[in-house]
Structure formats: C-alpha cells, structure tokens
C-alpha cells in the first residue's frame, strides 16, 4: 500500500505537467465577431423606432399641457379637473410605454446575442478539444497570467473566421 501511495505521489507532477491550460479574452473576441456589428445595427434601428414614438408622444403631451395652461384661467372647475386627469393619464401612458420599450429592447438584444454567444462558446470548445487544452480560462477574469500561459485567442479567431 505504501509503495502505491509513493508511486501516485511521484506520478502527480508528471500528470500535472501533461495538462495544457489556455486563456482567452472573451470580451475582446466577442467584440470582434461580425455578428455583433450586425446585431448593433438592428438594435440601433429598433431603439430609434422607440425613441421616435416616445418623442411623438412627449410632443403631443407638451402641446396639451400648453393648451391647458393657456386656457386654464377661463375654464370651469369641472373641465379643469377632467383636463388634469387626462394629462395625468397621458403622462402615465408615456411612462408605461418607456418602461415597456426598455424591456422590449433588452429582450430583443438578448434574443439576437444569444446565438452569437453560443457560436463563440462552441468555437472555444472546438479549439480546446482539437488542441488538447485541459482548461481555457477567460483572461478578463484572471488576476495573473504567467509568461508560459498559452493564449488560445488566435486559434479561436481562426475557428470563427476572424482575422
């Protein structure tokens, strides 16, 4: 039993040295993927549509507020209350639209970026398996990267077709 334990302990440095570790900056890689630029263009278009609609709603609201303010002195009390209520409801609709727009934009961005993340993850896994890495770490989250650490970024970029 003692001999087995000694043999295992002696073999550990050999086993550990046979492992291959790599690192990659996924944020940098992700930013260089052409699909990300396409998603950005789509998101800019969607956001612009929401901004235009919101601007139109705000413009209409401001006009109604100005109309109310110019006519307020001559209005009957009951009409004032109705107009004030209309303005409050309109403001609430604008706020609700803004919140819904933000949620829709985030949901759409996630929907469009998920396949890009999956493609990147698949490429990292493919390179890791093909080149025999035991682990590939994200260098953005690492505190120290030694001089002998292997940067797998070029291989993954090649796998993704990024130059």
N, C-alpha and C. Protein backbone atom coordinates (compact mmCIF):
# COMPACT_ATOMS: atom_id res chain seq x y z
N UNK A 1 0.82 -1.19 0.00
CA UNK A 1 0.00 0.00 0.00
C UNK A 1 0.87 1.25 0.00
N UNK A 2 1.94 1.22 0.81
CA UNK A 2 2.83 2.35 0.89
C UNK A 2 3.48 2.62 -0.46
N UNK A 3 3.85 1.57 -1.15
CA UNK A 3 4.50 1.71 -2.45
C UNK A 3 3.54 2.33 -3.47
N UNK A 4 2.27 1.98 -3.40
CA UNK A 4 1.26 2.54 -4.32
C UNK A 4 1.10 4.04 -4.08
N UNK A 5 1.04 4.41 -2.81
CA UNK A 5 0.90 5.84 -2.48
C UNK A 5 2.12 6.61 -2.96
N UNK A 6 3.30 6.07 -2.75
CA UNK A 6 4.54 6.74 -3.19
C UNK A 6 4.56 6.84 -4.71
N UNK A 7 4.12 5.80 -5.40
CA UNK A 7 4.10 5.82 -6.87
C UNK A 7 3.12 6.88 -7.38
N UNK A 8 1.97 6.99 -6.74
CA UNK A 8 0.99 8.00 -7.14
C UNK A 8 1.54 9.40 -6.89
N UNK A 9 2.15 9.62 -5.74
CA UNK A 9 2.73 10.92 -5.42
C UNK A 9 3.84 11.30 -6.39
N UNK A 10 4.65 10.32 -6.79
CA UNK A 10 5.71 10.59 -7.76
C UNK A 10 5.15 10.87 -9.14
N UNK A 11 4.01 10.29 -9.48
CA UNK A 11 3.40 10.47 -10.80
C UNK A 11 2.62 11.78 -10.92
N UNK A 12 2.21 12.37 -9.80
CA UNK A 12 1.42 13.60 -9.83
C UNK A 12 2.10 14.73 -10.60
N UNK A 13 3.38 15.02 -10.38
CA UNK A 13 3.98 16.11 -11.16
C UNK A 13 3.99 15.82 -12.66
N UNK A 14 4.15 14.59 -13.03
CA UNK A 14 4.14 14.22 -14.45
C UNK A 14 2.74 14.42 -15.03
N UNK A 15 1.73 13.99 -14.28
CA UNK A 15 0.34 14.15 -14.73
C UNK A 15 -0.01 15.63 -14.82
N UNK A 16 0.38 16.41 -13.81
CA UNK A 16 0.07 17.84 -13.81
C UNK A 16 0.76 18.57 -14.95
N UNK A 17 1.98 18.17 -15.27
CA UNK A 17 2.70 18.85 -16.35
C UNK A 17 2.14 18.48 -17.72
N UNK A 18 1.41 17.39 -17.80
CA UNK A 18 0.83 16.97 -19.07
C UNK A 18 -0.44 17.76 -19.40
N UNK A 19 -0.95 18.50 -18.43
CA UNK A 19 -2.15 19.29 -18.68
C UNK A 19 -1.79 20.56 -19.43
N UNK A 20 -2.69 20.96 -20.30
CA UNK A 20 -2.47 22.16 -21.10
C UNK A 20 -3.55 23.17 -20.75
N UNK A 21 -3.10 24.34 -20.33
CA UNK A 21 -4.03 25.41 -19.95
C UNK A 21 -3.91 26.55 -20.94
N UNK A 22 -5.03 27.15 -21.24
CA UNK A 22 -5.03 28.30 -22.14
C UNK A 22 -5.89 29.40 -21.58
N UNK A 23 -5.79 30.56 -22.17
CA UNK A 23 -6.63 31.68 -21.76
C UNK A 23 -7.10 32.41 -23.00
N UNK A 24 -8.20 33.09 -22.84
CA UNK A 24 -8.78 33.84 -23.94
C UNK A 24 -9.55 35.02 -23.37
N UNK A 25 -9.53 36.14 -24.05
CA UNK A 25 -10.31 37.30 -23.62
C UNK A 25 -11.62 37.26 -24.40
N UNK A 26 -12.67 36.75 -23.77
CA UNK A 26 -13.94 36.57 -24.47
C UNK A 26 -14.59 37.90 -24.83
N UNK A 27 -14.37 38.93 -24.01
CA UNK A 27 -14.95 40.24 -24.32
C UNK A 27 -14.36 40.80 -25.61
N UNK A 28 -13.05 40.70 -25.74
CA UNK A 28 -12.37 41.17 -26.95
C UNK A 28 -12.81 40.36 -28.16
N UNK A 29 -12.83 39.06 -27.99
CA UNK A 29 -13.24 38.17 -29.09
C UNK A 29 -14.67 38.45 -29.52
N UNK A 30 -15.55 38.58 -28.54
CA UNK A 30 -16.96 38.83 -28.82
C UNK A 30 -17.13 40.13 -29.61
N UNK A 31 -16.40 41.17 -29.19
CA UNK A 31 -16.50 42.48 -29.85
C UNK A 31 -16.03 42.42 -31.30
N UNK A 32 -15.13 41.50 -31.62
CA UNK A 32 -14.60 41.40 -32.98
C UNK A 32 -15.45 40.52 -33.90
N UNK A 33 -16.42 39.84 -33.35
CA UNK A 33 -17.25 38.97 -34.18
C UNK A 33 -18.15 39.84 -35.08
N UNK A 34 -18.20 39.54 -36.38
CA UNK A 34 -19.01 40.36 -37.30
C UNK A 34 -20.50 40.34 -36.96
N UNK A 35 -20.96 39.27 -36.36
CA UNK A 35 -22.38 39.18 -35.99
C UNK A 35 -22.76 40.25 -34.97
N UNK A 36 -21.80 40.64 -34.12
CA UNK A 36 -22.08 41.65 -33.10
C UNK A 36 -22.37 42.99 -33.77
N UNK A 37 -21.64 43.31 -34.81
CA UNK A 37 -21.89 44.56 -35.54
C UNK A 37 -23.27 44.54 -36.18
N UNK A 38 -23.66 43.39 -36.71
CA UNK A 38 -24.99 43.26 -37.32
C UNK A 38 -26.09 43.43 -36.26
N UNK A 39 -25.87 42.84 -35.10
CA UNK A 39 -26.84 42.97 -34.01
C UNK A 39 -26.93 44.43 -33.58
N UNK A 40 -25.79 45.11 -33.51
CA UNK A 40 -25.79 46.53 -33.12
C UNK A 40 -26.61 47.36 -34.10
N UNK A 41 -26.46 47.09 -35.39
CA UNK A 41 -27.24 47.83 -36.39
C UNK A 41 -28.74 47.59 -36.20
N UNK A 42 -29.11 46.34 -35.99
CA UNK A 42 -30.53 46.02 -35.77
C UNK A 42 -31.05 46.69 -34.51
N UNK A 43 -30.24 46.65 -33.46
CA UNK A 43 -30.67 47.26 -32.20
C UNK A 43 -30.77 48.78 -32.32
N UNK A 44 -29.87 49.38 -33.07
CA UNK A 44 -29.96 50.83 -33.29
C UNK A 44 -31.25 51.20 -34.00
N UNK A 45 -31.65 50.40 -34.98
CA UNK A 45 -32.90 50.64 -35.71
C UNK A 45 -34.10 50.51 -34.79
N UNK A 46 -34.12 49.45 -34.00
CA UNK A 46 -35.24 49.22 -33.08
C UNK A 46 -35.32 50.34 -32.05
N UNK A 47 -34.17 50.71 -31.49
CA UNK A 47 -34.14 51.76 -30.48
C UNK A 47 -34.60 53.09 -31.08
N UNK A 48 -34.20 53.34 -32.30
CA UNK A 48 -34.59 54.58 -32.98
C UNK A 48 -36.11 54.64 -33.16
N UNK A 49 -36.71 53.52 -33.49
CA UNK A 49 -38.17 53.48 -33.66
C UNK A 49 -38.87 53.82 -32.34
N UNK A 50 -38.39 53.23 -31.25
CA UNK A 50 -38.98 53.52 -29.95
C UNK A 50 -38.76 54.99 -29.57
N UNK A 51 -37.57 55.50 -29.82
CA UNK A 51 -37.27 56.90 -29.49
C UNK A 51 -38.17 57.85 -30.28
N UNK A 52 -38.38 57.55 -31.55
CA UNK A 52 -39.26 58.39 -32.38
C UNK A 52 -40.69 58.39 -31.84
N UNK A 53 -41.18 57.22 -31.47
CA UNK A 53 -42.53 57.12 -30.93
C UNK A 53 -42.64 57.86 -29.61
N UNK A 54 -41.64 57.69 -28.77
CA UNK A 54 -41.64 58.38 -27.47
C UNK A 54 -41.58 59.90 -27.66
N UNK A 55 -40.77 60.36 -28.60
CA UNK A 55 -40.68 61.80 -28.87
C UNK A 55 -42.02 62.34 -29.36
N UNK A 56 -42.70 61.57 -30.19
CA UNK A 56 -44.01 61.98 -30.68
C UNK A 56 -45.01 62.08 -29.53
N UNK A 57 -44.98 61.10 -28.65
CA UNK A 57 -45.89 61.11 -27.50
C UNK A 57 -45.59 62.30 -26.59
N UNK A 58 -44.31 62.55 -26.34
CA UNK A 58 -43.92 63.68 -25.49
C UNK A 58 -44.32 65.01 -26.11
N UNK A 59 -44.16 65.11 -27.40
CA UNK A 59 -44.54 66.34 -28.12
C UNK A 59 -46.04 66.59 -27.97
N UNK A 60 -46.82 65.55 -28.16
CA UNK A 60 -48.27 65.68 -28.02
C UNK A 60 -48.64 66.08 -26.58
N UNK A 61 -47.96 65.47 -25.62
CA UNK A 61 -48.22 65.79 -24.21
C UNK A 61 -47.88 67.25 -23.92
N UNK A 62 -46.74 67.71 -24.39
CA UNK A 62 -46.33 69.10 -24.14
C UNK A 62 -47.32 70.08 -24.77
N UNK A 63 -47.82 69.74 -25.94
CA UNK A 63 -48.80 70.60 -26.60
C UNK A 63 -50.09 70.70 -25.76
N UNK A 64 -50.52 69.55 -25.24
CA UNK A 64 -51.74 69.54 -24.43
C UNK A 64 -51.53 70.31 -23.12
N UNK A 65 -50.34 70.20 -22.55
CA UNK A 65 -50.04 70.94 -21.33
C UNK A 65 -50.08 72.44 -21.62
N UNK A 66 -49.49 72.86 -22.72
CA UNK A 66 -49.50 74.28 -23.08
C UNK A 66 -50.93 74.78 -23.33
N UNK A 67 -51.71 73.98 -24.04
CA UNK A 67 -53.11 74.34 -24.28
C UNK A 67 -53.86 74.49 -22.96
N UNK A 68 -53.63 73.57 -22.06
CA UNK A 68 -54.29 73.62 -20.75
C UNK A 68 -53.88 74.89 -20.01
N UNK A 69 -52.58 75.17 -20.01
CA UNK A 69 -52.10 76.35 -19.27
C UNK A 69 -52.64 77.66 -19.84
N UNK A 70 -52.77 77.75 -21.15
CA UNK A 70 -53.29 78.99 -21.74
C UNK A 70 -54.79 79.16 -21.51
N UNK A 71 -55.51 78.05 -21.39
CA UNK A 71 -56.96 78.13 -21.22
C UNK A 71 -57.41 77.94 -19.77
N UNK A 72 -56.50 77.64 -18.90
CA UNK A 72 -56.84 77.32 -17.51
C UNK A 72 -57.63 78.43 -16.82
N UNK A 73 -57.26 79.66 -17.03
CA UNK A 73 -57.91 80.78 -16.32
C UNK A 73 -59.38 80.92 -16.68
N UNK A 74 -59.75 80.52 -17.88
CA UNK A 74 -61.14 80.69 -18.33
C UNK A 74 -61.97 79.41 -18.22
N UNK A 75 -61.39 78.33 -17.75
CA UNK A 75 -62.10 77.05 -17.69
C UNK A 75 -62.95 76.94 -16.43
N UNK A 76 -64.06 76.22 -16.59
CA UNK A 76 -64.87 75.87 -15.44
C UNK A 76 -64.11 74.83 -14.62
N UNK A 77 -64.38 74.76 -13.33
CA UNK A 77 -63.66 73.86 -12.44
C UNK A 77 -63.78 72.40 -12.86
N UNK A 78 -64.95 71.98 -13.29
CA UNK A 78 -65.17 70.59 -13.72
C UNK A 78 -64.31 70.26 -14.94
N UNK A 79 -64.21 71.19 -15.87
CA UNK A 79 -63.40 70.96 -17.08
C UNK A 79 -61.91 70.91 -16.70
N UNK A 80 -61.51 71.76 -15.76
CA UNK A 80 -60.11 71.74 -15.29
C UNK A 80 -59.75 70.36 -14.76
N UNK A 81 -60.64 69.81 -13.94
CA UNK A 81 -60.38 68.51 -13.34
C UNK A 81 -60.29 67.42 -14.40
N UNK A 82 -61.17 67.47 -15.38
CA UNK A 82 -61.15 66.48 -16.46
C UNK A 82 -59.84 66.59 -17.25
N UNK A 83 -59.45 67.81 -17.59
CA UNK A 83 -58.21 68.02 -18.35
C UNK A 83 -56.98 67.58 -17.54
N UNK A 84 -56.97 67.89 -16.26
CA UNK A 84 -55.85 67.47 -15.41
C UNK A 84 -55.75 65.95 -15.36
N UNK A 85 -56.90 65.31 -15.24
CA UNK A 85 -56.93 63.85 -15.23
C UNK A 85 -56.43 63.29 -16.56
N UNK A 86 -56.85 63.89 -17.66
CA UNK A 86 -56.38 63.46 -18.99
C UNK A 86 -54.86 63.60 -19.10
N UNK A 87 -54.33 64.70 -18.60
CA UNK A 87 -52.88 64.91 -18.64
C UNK A 87 -52.14 63.89 -17.78
N UNK A 88 -52.68 63.59 -16.60
CA UNK A 88 -52.06 62.59 -15.74
C UNK A 88 -52.07 61.21 -16.40
N UNK A 89 -53.20 60.85 -17.01
CA UNK A 89 -53.30 59.56 -17.69
C UNK A 89 -52.35 59.49 -18.87
N UNK A 90 -52.23 60.59 -19.59
CA UNK A 90 -51.34 60.63 -20.74
C UNK A 90 -49.88 60.48 -20.27
N UNK A 91 -49.53 61.13 -19.19
CA UNK A 91 -48.18 61.02 -18.64
C UNK A 91 -47.91 59.58 -18.18
N UNK A 92 -48.89 58.93 -17.58
CA UNK A 92 -48.74 57.54 -17.15
C UNK A 92 -48.55 56.62 -18.35
N UNK A 93 -49.28 56.88 -19.44
CA UNK A 93 -49.12 56.07 -20.66
C UNK A 93 -47.71 56.23 -21.23
N UNK A 94 -47.21 57.45 -21.19
CA UNK A 94 -45.85 57.69 -21.69
C UNK A 94 -44.83 56.93 -20.84
N UNK A 95 -44.99 56.99 -19.53
CA UNK A 95 -44.09 56.27 -18.63
C UNK A 95 -44.17 54.76 -18.85
N UNK A 96 -45.37 54.25 -19.02
CA UNK A 96 -45.56 52.83 -19.27
C UNK A 96 -44.93 52.44 -20.61
N UNK A 97 -45.13 53.27 -21.62
CA UNK A 97 -44.52 52.99 -22.92
C UNK A 97 -43.00 52.95 -22.81
N UNK A 98 -42.43 53.90 -22.06
CA UNK A 98 -40.98 53.96 -21.89
C UNK A 98 -40.48 52.68 -21.21
N UNK A 99 -41.13 52.25 -20.15
CA UNK A 99 -40.73 51.03 -19.44
C UNK A 99 -40.86 49.80 -20.33
N UNK A 100 -41.96 49.72 -21.05
CA UNK A 100 -42.18 48.59 -21.95
C UNK A 100 -41.14 48.58 -23.07
N UNK A 101 -40.82 49.75 -23.59
CA UNK A 101 -39.81 49.86 -24.65
C UNK A 101 -38.46 49.38 -24.16
N UNK A 102 -38.07 49.78 -22.96
CA UNK A 102 -36.78 49.34 -22.40
C UNK A 102 -36.75 47.82 -22.26
N UNK A 103 -37.83 47.25 -21.76
CA UNK A 103 -37.89 45.80 -21.60
C UNK A 103 -37.83 45.10 -22.95
N UNK A 104 -38.57 45.62 -23.93
CA UNK A 104 -38.56 45.03 -25.27
C UNK A 104 -37.17 45.10 -25.90
N UNK A 105 -36.50 46.21 -25.72
CA UNK A 105 -35.16 46.39 -26.29
C UNK A 105 -34.19 45.39 -25.65
N UNK A 106 -34.24 45.27 -24.34
CA UNK A 106 -33.35 44.32 -23.65
C UNK A 106 -33.64 42.88 -24.09
N UNK A 107 -34.92 42.55 -24.20
CA UNK A 107 -35.31 41.20 -24.60
C UNK A 107 -34.83 40.91 -26.03
N UNK A 108 -35.01 41.86 -26.92
CA UNK A 108 -34.59 41.68 -28.31
C UNK A 108 -33.08 41.57 -28.41
N UNK A 109 -32.37 42.37 -27.64
CA UNK A 109 -30.90 42.31 -27.66
C UNK A 109 -30.43 40.94 -27.18
N UNK A 110 -31.02 40.45 -26.12
CA UNK A 110 -30.65 39.14 -25.61
C UNK A 110 -30.98 38.06 -26.64
N UNK A 111 -32.13 38.18 -27.27
CA UNK A 111 -32.55 37.22 -28.30
C UNK A 111 -31.55 37.20 -29.46
N UNK A 112 -31.08 38.37 -29.87
CA UNK A 112 -30.15 38.45 -31.00
C UNK A 112 -28.73 38.04 -30.63
N UNK A 113 -28.32 38.29 -29.38
CA UNK A 113 -26.95 37.99 -28.98
C UNK A 113 -26.73 36.56 -28.51
N UNK A 114 -27.80 35.89 -28.11
CA UNK A 114 -27.66 34.50 -27.62
C UNK A 114 -27.00 33.59 -28.65
N UNK A 115 -27.43 33.59 -29.93
CA UNK A 115 -26.76 32.72 -30.89
C UNK A 115 -25.28 33.10 -31.11
N UNK A 116 -24.95 34.37 -30.96
CA UNK A 116 -23.57 34.80 -31.13
C UNK A 116 -22.72 34.25 -29.98
N UNK A 117 -23.25 34.34 -28.75
CA UNK A 117 -22.55 33.77 -27.59
C UNK A 117 -22.37 32.26 -27.77
N UNK A 118 -23.42 31.60 -28.24
CA UNK A 118 -23.35 30.15 -28.44
C UNK A 118 -22.30 29.80 -29.48
N UNK A 119 -22.23 30.57 -30.54
CA UNK A 119 -21.23 30.33 -31.59
C UNK A 119 -19.82 30.49 -31.03
N UNK A 120 -19.60 31.53 -30.23
CA UNK A 120 -18.29 31.77 -29.64
C UNK A 120 -17.92 30.62 -28.68
N UNK A 121 -18.87 30.22 -27.85
CA UNK A 121 -18.63 29.14 -26.90
C UNK A 121 -18.29 27.84 -27.63
N UNK A 122 -19.01 27.57 -28.70
CA UNK A 122 -18.76 26.36 -29.49
C UNK A 122 -17.36 26.40 -30.10
N UNK A 123 -16.96 27.56 -30.60
CA UNK A 123 -15.62 27.68 -31.20
C UNK A 123 -14.54 27.48 -30.15
N UNK A 124 -14.73 28.03 -28.96
CA UNK A 124 -13.75 27.84 -27.88
C UNK A 124 -13.66 26.37 -27.52
N UNK A 125 -14.80 25.72 -27.43
CA UNK A 125 -14.81 24.29 -27.09
C UNK A 125 -14.13 23.47 -28.20
N UNK A 126 -14.41 23.81 -29.44
CA UNK A 126 -13.81 23.09 -30.57
C UNK A 126 -12.28 23.22 -30.54
N UNK A 127 -11.80 24.44 -30.34
CA UNK A 127 -10.36 24.67 -30.27
C UNK A 127 -9.77 23.94 -29.07
N UNK A 128 -10.44 24.00 -27.95
CA UNK A 128 -9.96 23.31 -26.75
C UNK A 128 -9.81 21.82 -26.96
N UNK A 129 -10.79 21.22 -27.59
CA UNK A 129 -10.73 19.78 -27.85
C UNK A 129 -9.69 19.44 -28.91
N UNK A 130 -9.66 20.22 -29.98
CA UNK A 130 -8.73 19.95 -31.08
C UNK A 130 -7.27 20.10 -30.65
N UNK A 131 -7.00 21.11 -29.82
CA UNK A 131 -5.61 21.39 -29.44
C UNK A 131 -5.23 20.82 -28.08
N UNK A 132 -6.13 20.05 -27.48
CA UNK A 132 -5.81 19.31 -26.27
C UNK A 132 -5.70 20.13 -24.99
N UNK A 133 -6.47 21.21 -24.89
CA UNK A 133 -6.46 22.00 -23.66
C UNK A 133 -7.26 21.29 -22.58
N UNK A 134 -6.73 21.29 -21.37
CA UNK A 134 -7.47 20.78 -20.24
C UNK A 134 -8.49 21.82 -19.81
N UNK A 135 -8.04 23.09 -19.77
CA UNK A 135 -8.90 24.21 -19.43
C UNK A 135 -8.54 25.40 -20.32
N UNK A 136 -9.55 26.19 -20.65
CA UNK A 136 -9.33 27.50 -21.26
C UNK A 136 -10.07 28.48 -20.35
N UNK A 137 -9.31 29.39 -19.76
CA UNK A 137 -9.86 30.38 -18.83
C UNK A 137 -10.12 31.69 -19.56
N UNK A 138 -11.03 32.48 -19.00
CA UNK A 138 -11.28 33.81 -19.54
C UNK A 138 -10.27 34.75 -18.90
N UNK A 139 -9.39 35.33 -19.69
CA UNK A 139 -8.32 36.17 -19.15
C UNK A 139 -8.85 37.46 -18.54
N UNK A 140 -10.04 37.87 -18.90
CA UNK A 140 -10.62 39.09 -18.33
C UNK A 140 -10.92 38.91 -16.84
N UNK A 141 -11.11 37.69 -16.40
CA UNK A 141 -11.45 37.42 -15.01
C UNK A 141 -10.26 36.91 -14.21
N UNK A 142 -9.09 36.84 -14.82
CA UNK A 142 -7.93 36.29 -14.14
C UNK A 142 -7.11 37.40 -13.49
N UNK A 143 -6.51 37.07 -12.38
CA UNK A 143 -5.70 38.02 -11.65
C UNK A 143 -4.27 38.02 -12.21
N UNK A 144 -3.79 36.86 -12.59
CA UNK A 144 -2.42 36.74 -13.10
C UNK A 144 -2.38 35.72 -14.23
N UNK A 145 -1.65 36.07 -15.27
CA UNK A 145 -1.42 35.13 -16.37
C UNK A 145 0.09 35.02 -16.52
N UNK A 146 0.61 33.83 -16.30
CA UNK A 146 2.05 33.61 -16.37
C UNK A 146 2.58 33.71 -17.80
N UNK A 147 3.89 33.87 -17.91
CA UNK A 147 4.54 34.02 -19.22
C UNK A 147 4.40 32.75 -20.06
N UNK A 148 4.28 31.60 -19.41
CA UNK A 148 4.18 30.36 -20.16
C UNK A 148 2.73 29.96 -20.47
N UNK A 149 1.77 30.79 -20.09
CA UNK A 149 0.36 30.51 -20.39
C UNK A 149 0.13 30.66 -21.89
N UNK A 150 -0.69 29.80 -22.42
CA UNK A 150 -0.96 29.80 -23.86
C UNK A 150 -2.21 30.64 -24.14
N UNK A 151 -2.08 31.60 -25.05
CA UNK A 151 -3.22 32.43 -25.46
C UNK A 151 -3.94 31.70 -26.58
N UNK A 152 -5.14 31.24 -26.32
CA UNK A 152 -5.91 30.49 -27.31
C UNK A 152 -6.72 31.41 -28.22
N UNK A 153 -6.63 32.72 -28.02
CA UNK A 153 -7.41 33.67 -28.80
C UNK A 153 -7.18 33.52 -30.31
N UNK A 154 -5.93 33.47 -30.78
CA UNK A 154 -5.72 33.35 -32.23
C UNK A 154 -6.37 32.09 -32.84
N UNK A 155 -6.31 30.99 -32.13
CA UNK A 155 -6.90 29.75 -32.65
C UNK A 155 -8.42 29.86 -32.70
N UNK A 156 -9.03 30.48 -31.71
CA UNK A 156 -10.48 30.63 -31.69
C UNK A 156 -10.91 31.63 -32.76
N UNK A 157 -10.14 32.70 -32.94
CA UNK A 157 -10.45 33.65 -34.00
C UNK A 157 -10.40 32.96 -35.36
N UNK A 158 -9.42 32.11 -35.54
CA UNK A 158 -9.32 31.37 -36.81
C UNK A 158 -10.53 30.46 -36.98
N UNK A 159 -10.94 29.82 -35.90
CA UNK A 159 -12.11 28.93 -35.94
C UNK A 159 -13.37 29.71 -36.32
N UNK A 160 -13.46 30.96 -35.85
CA UNK A 160 -14.61 31.81 -36.14
C UNK A 160 -14.50 32.56 -37.46
N UNK A 161 -13.31 32.49 -38.07
CA UNK A 161 -13.11 33.20 -39.34
C UNK A 161 -12.82 34.67 -39.15
N UNK A 162 -12.34 35.06 -37.97
CA UNK A 162 -12.00 36.45 -37.69
C UNK A 162 -10.50 36.64 -37.94
N UNK A 163 -10.15 37.69 -38.64
CA UNK A 163 -8.73 37.94 -38.92
C UNK A 163 -8.13 38.89 -37.93
